[in-house]
Amino acid sequence: MKKKFLLILIGAALFNIVDASAQGQQANRQLLGNDFWERRNDFIKKEVGLTADEASKFIPLETEFRIKIVEVGRECRSLARESQNRQKMSDSDYSKLVDCQIETRIKEAQLEKEYYERFKKILSPEKLYKYQQADIRFSRELINVRRTDVPVRSNSNRPEDSNNTNRPENRNNTNRPGNTR
């Protein structure tokens, strides 16, 4: 259950910047760039071991699924952005935001179930599992790349504190694998 939630959450976050339209896949390719989609699709094809026939059926369907996931979360993301710009929110505002997030997760889960039924007609159970794992790996790698390129934004109004343990350069990283600090 946690993996499904993580998958949905990562998927939604990954495609947060996509502004899907009726033009579908073409619009997404223009917004994110062909390179992103080509790298992602190549990664999925390689990791899952898709045949040319499977890829020609699966990739367009999977892209359609991603577009619909983005569309489902659009209203909630807009509401969340609005709330970040407010100085003070009421309990009613917070309730509305939380309700929206929960409803979005439910709709995403329903959409995921619908599409996985369709995916099963194209991929074997083994390849479907490999797809799920590859999707998670690709998302994690993308997040790790973005994490090194983009500074983390803080929602607080506190002045920068060099002793802040939440800043990456001030964390005690000695327990992480491969860390020599």
Protein backbone atom coordinates (compact mmCIF):
# COMPACT_ATOMS: atom_id res chain seq x y z
CA MET A 1 0.00 0.00 0.00
CA LYS A 2 2.84 2.39 0.86
CA LYS A 3 4.57 1.60 -2.44
CA LYS A 4 1.39 2.37 -4.39
CA PHE A 5 0.95 5.63 -2.50
CA LEU A 6 4.61 6.50 -3.08
CA LEU A 7 4.25 5.67 -6.76
CA ILE A 8 1.18 7.85 -7.10
CA LEU A 9 2.74 10.67 -5.11
CA ILE A 10 5.99 10.57 -7.07
CA GLY A 11 4.07 10.37 -10.32
CA ALA A 12 1.98 13.38 -9.43
CA ALA A 13 4.99 15.35 -8.26
CA LEU A 14 6.99 14.38 -11.32
CA PHE A 15 4.33 15.67 -13.63
CA ASN A 16 3.39 18.71 -11.55
CA ILE A 17 4.82 21.06 -14.18
CA VAL A 18 2.97 19.46 -17.08
CA ASP A 19 -0.01 21.40 -18.40
CA ALA A 20 -1.83 18.66 -20.30
CA SER A 21 -4.34 19.70 -22.91
CA ALA A 22 -6.67 18.08 -25.40
CA GLN A 23 -3.68 17.63 -27.67
CA GLY A 24 -2.48 14.96 -25.26
CA GLN A 25 0.97 13.52 -25.71
CA GLN A 26 2.07 16.22 -28.18
CA ALA A 27 1.32 18.99 -25.69
CA ASN A 28 3.23 17.20 -22.93
CA ARG A 29 6.21 16.63 -25.17
CA GLN A 30 6.29 20.34 -26.00
CA LEU A 31 6.01 21.36 -22.34
CA LEU A 32 8.56 19.00 -20.85
CA GLY A 33 10.58 18.50 -23.99
CA ASN A 34 11.04 15.51 -26.21
CA ASP A 35 14.30 14.65 -24.50
CA PHE A 36 12.62 14.00 -21.15
CA TRP A 37 9.98 11.72 -22.65
CA GLU A 38 12.46 9.90 -24.87
CA ARG A 39 14.81 9.27 -21.93
CA ARG A 40 11.92 8.13 -19.74
CA ASN A 41 10.46 5.83 -22.40
CA ASP A 42 13.88 4.40 -23.26
CA PHE A 43 14.51 3.76 -19.57
CA ILE A 44 11.15 1.98 -19.20
CA LYS A 45 11.67 -0.08 -22.37
CA LYS A 46 15.15 -1.16 -21.28
CA GLU A 47 14.36 -1.87 -17.62
CA VAL A 48 11.16 -3.77 -18.38
CA GLY A 49 12.57 -5.53 -21.45
CA LEU A 50 9.71 -4.49 -23.72
CA THR A 51 9.55 -5.95 -27.20
CA ALA A 52 8.91 -3.55 -30.08
CA ASP A 53 5.30 -4.74 -30.24
CA GLU A 54 4.77 -4.30 -26.49
CA ALA A 55 6.39 -0.87 -26.54
CA SER A 56 4.23 0.31 -29.45
CA LYS A 57 1.10 -0.59 -27.47
CA PHE A 58 2.21 0.14 -23.93
CA ILE A 59 4.07 3.47 -24.16
CA PRO A 60 1.17 5.46 -25.70
CA LEU A 61 -1.27 3.99 -23.17
CA GLU A 62 1.09 4.70 -20.28
CA THR A 63 1.53 8.29 -21.52
CA GLU A 64 -2.24 8.68 -21.66
CA PHE A 65 -2.37 7.46 -18.06
CA ARG A 66 0.24 10.03 -16.97
CA ILE A 67 -1.67 12.84 -18.65
CA LYS A 68 -4.87 11.86 -16.85
CA ILE A 69 -3.05 11.70 -13.52
CA VAL A 70 -1.89 15.27 -14.05
CA GLU A 71 -5.38 16.40 -14.99
CA VAL A 72 -6.85 14.83 -11.85
CA GLY A 73 -4.49 16.77 -9.60
CA ARG A 74 -4.60 20.11 -11.39
CA GLU A 75 -7.28 21.75 -9.22
CA CYS A 76 -5.66 20.59 -5.99
CA ARG A 77 -2.21 21.83 -7.05
CA SER A 78 -3.73 25.19 -7.91
CA LEU A 79 -5.38 25.38 -4.50
CA ALA A 80 -2.09 24.42 -2.81
CA ARG A 81 -0.20 27.16 -4.71
CA GLU A 82 -2.82 29.71 -3.66
CA SER A 83 -2.47 28.65 -0.03
CA GLN A 84 1.30 29.14 -0.13
CA ASN A 85 0.78 32.77 -1.13
CA ARG A 86 -1.53 33.51 1.82
CA GLN A 87 -0.16 34.92 5.03
CA LYS A 88 -2.83 33.32 7.20
CA MET A 89 -5.27 30.53 6.48
CA SER A 90 -8.45 29.66 8.34
CA ASP A 91 -9.35 26.19 9.57
CA SER A 92 -11.86 26.05 6.74
CA ASP A 93 -9.10 26.77 4.19
CA TYR A 94 -6.91 24.04 5.64
CA SER A 95 -9.85 21.61 5.65
CA LYS A 96 -10.59 22.36 2.03
CA LEU A 97 -6.96 21.82 1.07
CA VAL A 98 -6.65 18.51 2.95
CA ASP A 99 -9.98 17.26 1.57
CA CYS A 100 -8.84 18.15 -1.93
CA GLN A 101 -5.55 16.27 -1.47
CA ILE A 102 -7.32 13.17 -0.17
CA GLU A 103 -9.90 13.24 -2.96
CA THR A 104 -7.11 13.62 -5.51
CA ARG A 105 -5.28 10.58 -4.12
CA ILE A 106 -8.49 8.55 -4.27
CA LYS A 107 -9.13 9.59 -7.88
CA GLU A 108 -5.51 8.84 -8.79
CA ALA A 109 -5.78 5.37 -7.22
CA GLN A 110 -8.99 4.68 -9.14
CA LEU A 111 -7.35 5.83 -12.35
CA GLU A 112 -4.30 3.71 -11.61
CA LYS A 113 -6.46 0.63 -11.09
CA GLU A 114 -8.36 1.28 -14.34
CA TYR A 115 -5.14 1.63 -16.34
CA TYR A 116 -3.41 -1.33 -14.71
CA GLU A 117 -6.28 -3.48 -15.90
CA ARG A 118 -5.57 -2.20 -19.39
CA PHE A 119 -1.81 -2.65 -18.93
CA LYS A 120 -2.39 -6.32 -18.00
CA LYS A 121 -3.71 -6.92 -21.51
CA ILE A 122 -0.36 -5.84 -22.95
CA LEU A 123 2.26 -6.90 -20.38
CA SER A 124 2.85 -10.10 -18.46
CA PRO A 125 2.59 -9.89 -14.66
CA GLU A 126 6.40 -9.99 -14.46
CA LYS A 127 6.82 -7.09 -16.89
CA LEU A 128 4.06 -5.14 -15.17
CA TYR A 129 5.95 -5.51 -11.89
CA LYS A 130 9.21 -4.50 -13.60
CA TYR A 131 7.42 -1.45 -15.02
CA GLN A 132 6.32 -0.37 -11.54
CA GLN A 133 9.85 -0.73 -10.22
CA ALA A 134 11.38 1.06 -13.23
CA ASP A 135 8.91 3.92 -12.85
CA ILE A 136 9.87 4.36 -9.20
CA ARG A 137 13.61 4.18 -10.03
CA PHE A 138 13.29 6.74 -12.82
CA SER A 139 11.36 9.11 -10.54
CA ARG A 140 13.93 8.74 -7.76
CA GLU A 141 16.80 9.39 -10.14
CA LEU A 142 15.04 12.46 -11.50
CA ILE A 143 14.40 13.77 -7.99
CA ASN A 144 18.05 13.17 -7.04
CA VAL A 145 19.24 15.07 -10.12
CA ARG A 146 16.84 17.95 -9.40
CA ARG A 147 17.87 17.95 -5.75
CA THR A 148 21.48 18.66 -6.71
CA ASP A 149 20.49 21.31 -9.30
CA VAL A 150 17.79 23.26 -7.46
CA PRO A 151 18.13 24.71 -3.96
CA VAL A 152 15.39 23.66 -1.54
CA ARG A 153 12.84 26.41 -0.88
CA SER A 154 11.75 27.10 2.64
CA ASN A 155 8.22 28.13 3.59
CA SER A 156 9.40 29.85 6.74
CA ASN A 157 10.21 33.52 7.06
CA ARG A 158 13.19 32.90 9.32
CA PRO A 159 16.55 34.37 8.33
CA GLU A 160 19.08 31.88 7.06
CA ASP A 161 20.78 30.20 9.97
CA SER A 162 24.09 28.49 9.35
CA ASN A 163 23.33 26.14 12.26
CA ASN A 164 20.07 24.98 10.66
CA THR A 165 20.28 21.18 10.61
CA ASN A 166 17.69 20.96 7.83
CA ARG A 167 20.10 22.42 5.31
CA PRO A 168 21.95 19.69 3.38
CA GLU A 169 25.39 21.11 4.05
CA ASN A 170 24.73 21.07 7.81
CA ARG A 171 23.29 17.60 8.15
CA ASN A 172 25.22 14.81 9.80
CA ASN A 173 25.58 12.45 6.87
CA THR A 174 27.92 9.96 8.47
CA ASN A 175 25.28 7.22 8.61
CA ARG A 176 24.51 7.29 4.90
CA PRO A 177 25.96 4.53 2.72
CA GLY A 178 29.02 5.58 0.77
CA ASN A 179 29.52 8.77 2.75
CA THR A 180 33.06 9.48 3.81
CA ARG A 181 32.37 12.59 5.92
